[in-house]
Amino acid sequence: MAVGIKIRELCFSYGSQEVLSEINMVVKPGDFIGIVGPNGSGKSTLLKNMAALLRPTRGAIEINSTGIEDYKRLELARLIALVGQDQQPGFNFQVEEVVYTGRYPYKERFRPPAGVDRQAVERAMYLTGCYHLKDRDLFSLSGGERQRVFLARALAQETPVLLLDEPTAFLDMGYQVELLQLLQGLNLREKLTVVAVMHDLNLASRYSRKLVMLNRGKIFARGSPEEV
C-alpha cells in the first residue's frame, strides 16, 4: 500500500516552550528522507508527532489525505512503524519474543502466531543480523545488539513507512554502514518509505535522497543532500 504523509503548518509546544513552528513537509511513497540539525532543533519531536505519540499544538498531519487523529491505533500501526531513540525494554524477554511483538497489529487477542507471522519475524531477524541472538535474553545484549533487535521488531511490523530516531546510535562504524545499506536496499527494492533522524551529516548525505534540516524548531533547508 502506497502511503503519503503531508504535514501542514505544524506547531508543537511543551507547556509554554514552543519546540516546532510552522512545519510544512511532504513525504511521498518511496522517499528516503534524512532529518538533520543541531541538538534541540526539534528533530525527535517532529518524528513523534508523525507517529502520533505527540499531538500538534496547531496544524495538521495527514496520511493519504486523512487526518492522523482519525486513524485507530491498530490502523496506524499497519501503516507506520517507529524505532525510537529512547526505547527501554520493560521486561527481559528473549529476542525472538521481542521481535514477535511487531506482529501485534495483525493478531487477534490470544491467537497463537500464524505461519505468516513466523516468516515475517525470521526475515526481519535475518535482515538485521540478529537471528543468531534469537534465544538470548534482551538484558544480556549490548546497546548495539538491542538496537538491531528493535529495528527487527519494526521490520516485522511490515509497514509501508518506517520512522527512525537516530537508528545508528550505539553502533560502531561498521554496523552503522551495514544498517544504512540495509535501509537503502529496502527503500530501493521494496519501496519502503524511510524517514530517519540522523546526527552524522556524512552518513545522512550518503544514504538519504532528500534532507530536511531543522534549526530552532523551523525548517532551515530542504532538498537533495547537495542542495542542503
Protein backbone atom coordinates (compact mmCIF):
# COMPACT_ATOMS: atom_id res chain seq x y z
CA MET A 1 0.00 0.00 0.00
CA ALA A 2 1.40 3.37 -1.02
CA VAL A 3 1.35 5.84 1.87
CA GLY A 4 1.94 9.57 1.62
CA ILE A 5 2.24 11.93 4.57
CA LYS A 6 1.51 15.66 4.46
CA ILE A 7 2.41 17.98 7.33
CA ARG A 8 0.76 21.41 7.27
CA GLU A 9 1.64 24.38 9.49
CA LEU A 10 2.59 22.06 12.34
CA CYS A 11 3.43 23.65 15.67
CA PHE A 12 4.19 21.86 18.91
CA SER A 13 4.89 23.09 22.42
CA TYR A 14 5.90 21.53 25.70
CA GLY A 15 3.92 23.76 28.02
CA SER A 16 4.86 27.32 27.14
CA GLN A 17 8.01 26.32 25.25
CA GLU A 18 7.45 26.09 21.51
CA VAL A 19 9.60 23.32 20.01
CA LEU A 20 8.26 23.19 16.44
CA SER A 21 6.95 26.13 14.46
CA GLU A 22 5.14 26.23 11.09
CA ILE A 23 6.50 22.92 9.77
CA ASN A 24 5.36 22.13 6.21
CA MET A 25 6.62 18.86 4.79
CA VAL A 26 5.56 16.16 2.34
CA VAL A 27 6.70 12.54 2.50
CA LYS A 28 5.98 10.74 -0.75
CA PRO A 29 5.77 6.96 -1.12
CA GLY A 30 9.28 5.57 -1.60
CA ASP A 31 11.09 8.59 -0.14
CA PHE A 32 14.26 8.23 1.93
CA ILE A 33 14.39 11.43 3.97
CA GLY A 34 17.07 12.29 6.49
CA ILE A 35 16.17 14.82 9.17
CA VAL A 36 19.24 16.65 10.41
CA GLY A 37 20.05 19.65 12.58
CA PRO A 38 21.68 20.64 15.86
CA ASN A 39 20.64 19.22 19.22
CA GLY A 40 17.41 20.74 20.46
CA SER A 41 16.18 21.70 16.99
CA GLY A 42 13.03 19.55 17.26
CA LYS A 43 14.02 16.51 15.18
CA SER A 44 12.81 13.82 17.57
CA THR A 45 9.71 15.81 18.45
CA LEU A 46 8.77 16.01 14.77
CA LEU A 47 9.14 12.26 14.40
CA LYS A 48 6.98 11.61 17.47
CA ASN A 49 4.27 13.85 16.04
CA MET A 50 4.41 11.86 12.79
CA ALA A 51 3.99 8.64 14.78
CA ALA A 52 1.05 10.13 16.75
CA LEU A 53 2.91 9.77 20.05
CA LEU A 54 2.51 13.52 20.43
CA ARG A 55 -0.34 15.71 19.23
CA PRO A 56 0.37 19.01 17.45
CA THR A 57 -0.48 22.21 19.24
CA ARG A 58 -1.60 23.60 15.90
CA GLY A 59 -1.58 22.41 12.32
CA ALA A 60 -2.28 19.00 10.85
CA ILE A 61 -0.69 15.72 9.78
CA GLU A 62 -2.49 13.79 7.05
CA ILE A 63 -1.85 10.22 5.92
CA ASN A 64 -3.31 9.58 2.48
CA SER A 65 -5.44 12.72 2.91
CA THR A 66 -6.92 11.55 6.24
CA GLY A 67 -6.06 13.29 9.49
CA ILE A 68 -3.74 11.19 11.62
CA GLU A 69 -6.07 11.63 14.60
CA ASP A 70 -8.84 9.85 12.64
CA TYR A 71 -6.95 6.57 12.49
CA LYS A 72 -7.43 3.94 15.15
CA ARG A 73 -4.21 2.87 16.86
CA LEU A 74 -4.10 -0.54 15.14
CA GLU A 75 -4.87 1.01 11.75
CA LEU A 76 -1.96 3.41 12.20
CA ALA A 77 0.32 0.57 13.34
CA ARG A 78 -0.25 -1.14 9.98
CA LEU A 79 0.95 1.98 8.19
CA ILE A 80 3.80 3.39 10.29
CA ALA A 81 6.47 1.74 12.45
CA LEU A 82 8.75 3.72 14.74
CA VAL A 83 12.17 2.85 16.08
CA GLY A 84 12.67 5.37 18.86
CA GLN A 85 15.89 6.70 20.32
CA ASP A 86 14.96 6.09 23.94
CA GLN A 87 13.37 2.65 23.79
CA GLN A 88 13.86 0.85 27.07
CA PRO A 89 12.92 -2.81 27.45
CA GLY A 90 10.45 -3.22 30.27
CA PHE A 91 10.86 -6.96 30.60
CA ASN A 92 13.70 -9.38 29.97
CA PHE A 93 12.09 -11.25 27.08
CA GLN A 94 14.01 -13.41 24.65
CA VAL A 95 14.98 -11.65 21.42
CA GLU A 96 12.59 -13.69 19.28
CA GLU A 97 9.70 -12.81 21.60
CA VAL A 98 10.56 -9.11 21.32
CA VAL A 99 10.56 -9.25 17.52
CA TYR A 100 7.23 -11.10 17.58
CA THR A 101 5.64 -8.10 19.31
CA GLY A 102 5.98 -6.31 15.96
CA ARG A 103 3.16 -8.53 14.69
CA TYR A 104 0.60 -7.14 17.14
CA PRO A 105 -1.32 -5.06 14.54
CA TYR A 106 -2.28 -8.25 12.71
CA LYS A 107 -3.11 -10.58 15.59
CA GLU A 108 -6.36 -11.24 17.35
CA ARG A 109 -6.04 -11.39 21.11
CA PHE A 110 -4.79 -14.73 22.43
CA ARG A 111 -4.36 -16.16 18.92
CA PRO A 112 -1.06 -18.05 18.54
CA PRO A 113 1.34 -16.82 15.82
CA ALA A 114 0.47 -17.95 12.30
CA GLY A 115 2.88 -19.04 9.58
CA VAL A 116 2.91 -15.56 8.07
CA ASP A 117 3.95 -14.15 11.45
CA ARG A 118 6.85 -16.60 11.77
CA GLN A 119 8.02 -15.78 8.25
CA ALA A 120 7.94 -12.03 8.92
CA VAL A 121 9.82 -12.42 12.22
CA GLU A 122 12.52 -14.70 10.83
CA ARG A 123 13.02 -12.48 7.79
CA ALA A 124 13.34 -9.38 9.98
CA MET A 125 15.93 -11.07 12.22
CA TYR A 126 17.96 -12.27 9.24
CA LEU A 127 17.88 -8.83 7.60
CA THR A 128 19.09 -7.08 10.73
CA GLY A 129 21.73 -9.68 11.59
CA CYS A 130 20.25 -10.70 14.91
CA TYR A 131 18.90 -14.17 14.10
CA HIS A 132 21.79 -15.76 15.99
CA LEU A 133 20.64 -13.84 19.07
CA LYS A 134 17.05 -15.10 18.95
CA ASP A 135 17.34 -17.25 22.09
CA ARG A 136 19.27 -14.66 24.11
CA ASP A 137 17.67 -12.56 26.83
CA LEU A 138 17.30 -8.92 25.88
CA PHE A 139 19.04 -7.68 29.04
CA SER A 140 22.16 -9.68 28.11
CA LEU A 141 22.69 -7.76 24.87
CA SER A 142 24.88 -4.75 24.18
CA GLY A 143 23.34 -1.43 23.21
CA GLY A 144 24.12 -2.03 19.54
CA GLU A 145 22.62 -5.52 19.60
CA ARG A 146 19.45 -4.20 21.21
CA GLN A 147 19.21 -1.52 18.54
CA ARG A 148 19.21 -4.19 15.85
CA VAL A 149 16.54 -6.16 17.72
CA PHE A 150 14.29 -3.09 17.92
CA LEU A 151 14.80 -2.50 14.19
CA ALA A 152 13.90 -6.14 13.53
CA ARG A 153 10.70 -5.66 15.53
CA ALA A 154 9.79 -2.65 13.36
CA LEU A 155 10.52 -4.55 10.14
CA ALA A 156 8.39 -7.47 11.36
CA GLN A 157 5.53 -4.96 11.58
CA GLU A 158 5.64 -4.84 7.74
CA THR A 159 4.52 -1.24 7.38
CA PRO A 160 5.00 0.85 4.22
CA VAL A 161 6.54 3.68 6.29
CA LEU A 162 9.43 3.35 8.75
CA LEU A 163 10.37 6.20 11.11
CA LEU A 164 13.73 6.00 12.86
CA ASP A 165 15.18 8.23 15.54
CA GLU A 166 19.00 8.02 15.49
CA PRO A 167 19.00 4.44 14.12
CA THR A 168 22.81 4.19 14.24
CA ALA A 169 23.08 5.14 17.92
CA PHE A 170 25.19 2.67 19.92
CA LEU A 171 26.51 1.04 16.73
CA ASP A 172 30.15 1.03 15.70
CA MET A 173 31.01 2.40 12.27
CA GLY A 174 30.84 -0.95 10.51
CA TYR A 175 27.35 -1.67 11.77
CA GLN A 176 26.24 1.91 11.04
CA VAL A 177 27.10 1.49 7.37
CA GLU A 178 25.62 -2.02 7.30
CA LEU A 179 22.35 -0.81 8.80
CA LEU A 180 22.01 2.15 6.45
CA GLN A 181 22.82 -0.05 3.46
CA LEU A 182 20.04 -2.38 4.60
CA LEU A 183 17.58 0.51 4.84
CA GLN A 184 18.70 1.85 1.46
CA GLY A 185 18.21 -1.59 -0.11
CA LEU A 186 14.70 -1.94 1.35
CA ASN A 187 13.91 1.56 0.15
CA LEU A 188 15.06 0.86 -3.40
CA ARG A 189 13.90 -2.75 -3.81
CA GLU A 190 10.69 -2.78 -1.82
CA LYS A 191 9.79 0.92 -1.95
CA LEU A 192 9.86 1.14 1.85
CA THR A 193 9.45 4.79 2.81
CA VAL A 194 12.13 5.79 5.32
CA VAL A 195 12.26 8.94 7.44
CA ALA A 196 15.29 8.94 9.73
CA VAL A 197 16.62 11.45 12.25
CA MET A 198 20.40 11.33 11.88
CA HIS A 199 23.20 13.14 13.68
CA ASP A 200 26.02 12.22 11.28
CA LEU A 201 25.84 14.57 8.31
CA ASN A 202 28.17 12.42 6.21
CA LEU A 203 26.03 9.31 6.61
CA ALA A 204 22.82 11.30 6.16
CA SER A 205 24.12 12.80 2.92
CA ARG A 206 25.35 9.47 1.62
CA TYR A 207 22.21 7.41 2.18
CA SER A 208 19.29 9.87 2.13
CA ARG A 209 17.85 11.03 -1.16
CA LYS A 210 16.33 14.09 0.48
CA LEU A 211 17.36 16.05 3.55
CA VAL A 212 15.31 18.29 5.83
CA MET A 213 17.42 20.47 8.11
CA LEU A 214 15.83 21.89 11.24
CA ASN A 215 17.11 24.78 13.31
CA ARG A 216 15.36 26.20 16.37
CA GLY A 217 12.16 24.33 15.54
CA LYS A 218 11.85 25.53 11.97
CA ILE A 219 12.85 24.10 8.61
CA PHE A 220 16.10 25.82 7.73
CA ALA A 221 16.76 23.99 4.43
CA ARG A 222 15.38 21.12 2.40
CA GLY A 223 16.16 19.35 -0.85
CA SER A 224 18.81 17.00 -2.17
CA PRO A 225 21.88 16.39 0.00
CA GLU A 226 23.90 18.57 -2.38
CA GLU A 227 21.44 21.46 -2.07
CA VAL A 228 21.17 21.25 1.72
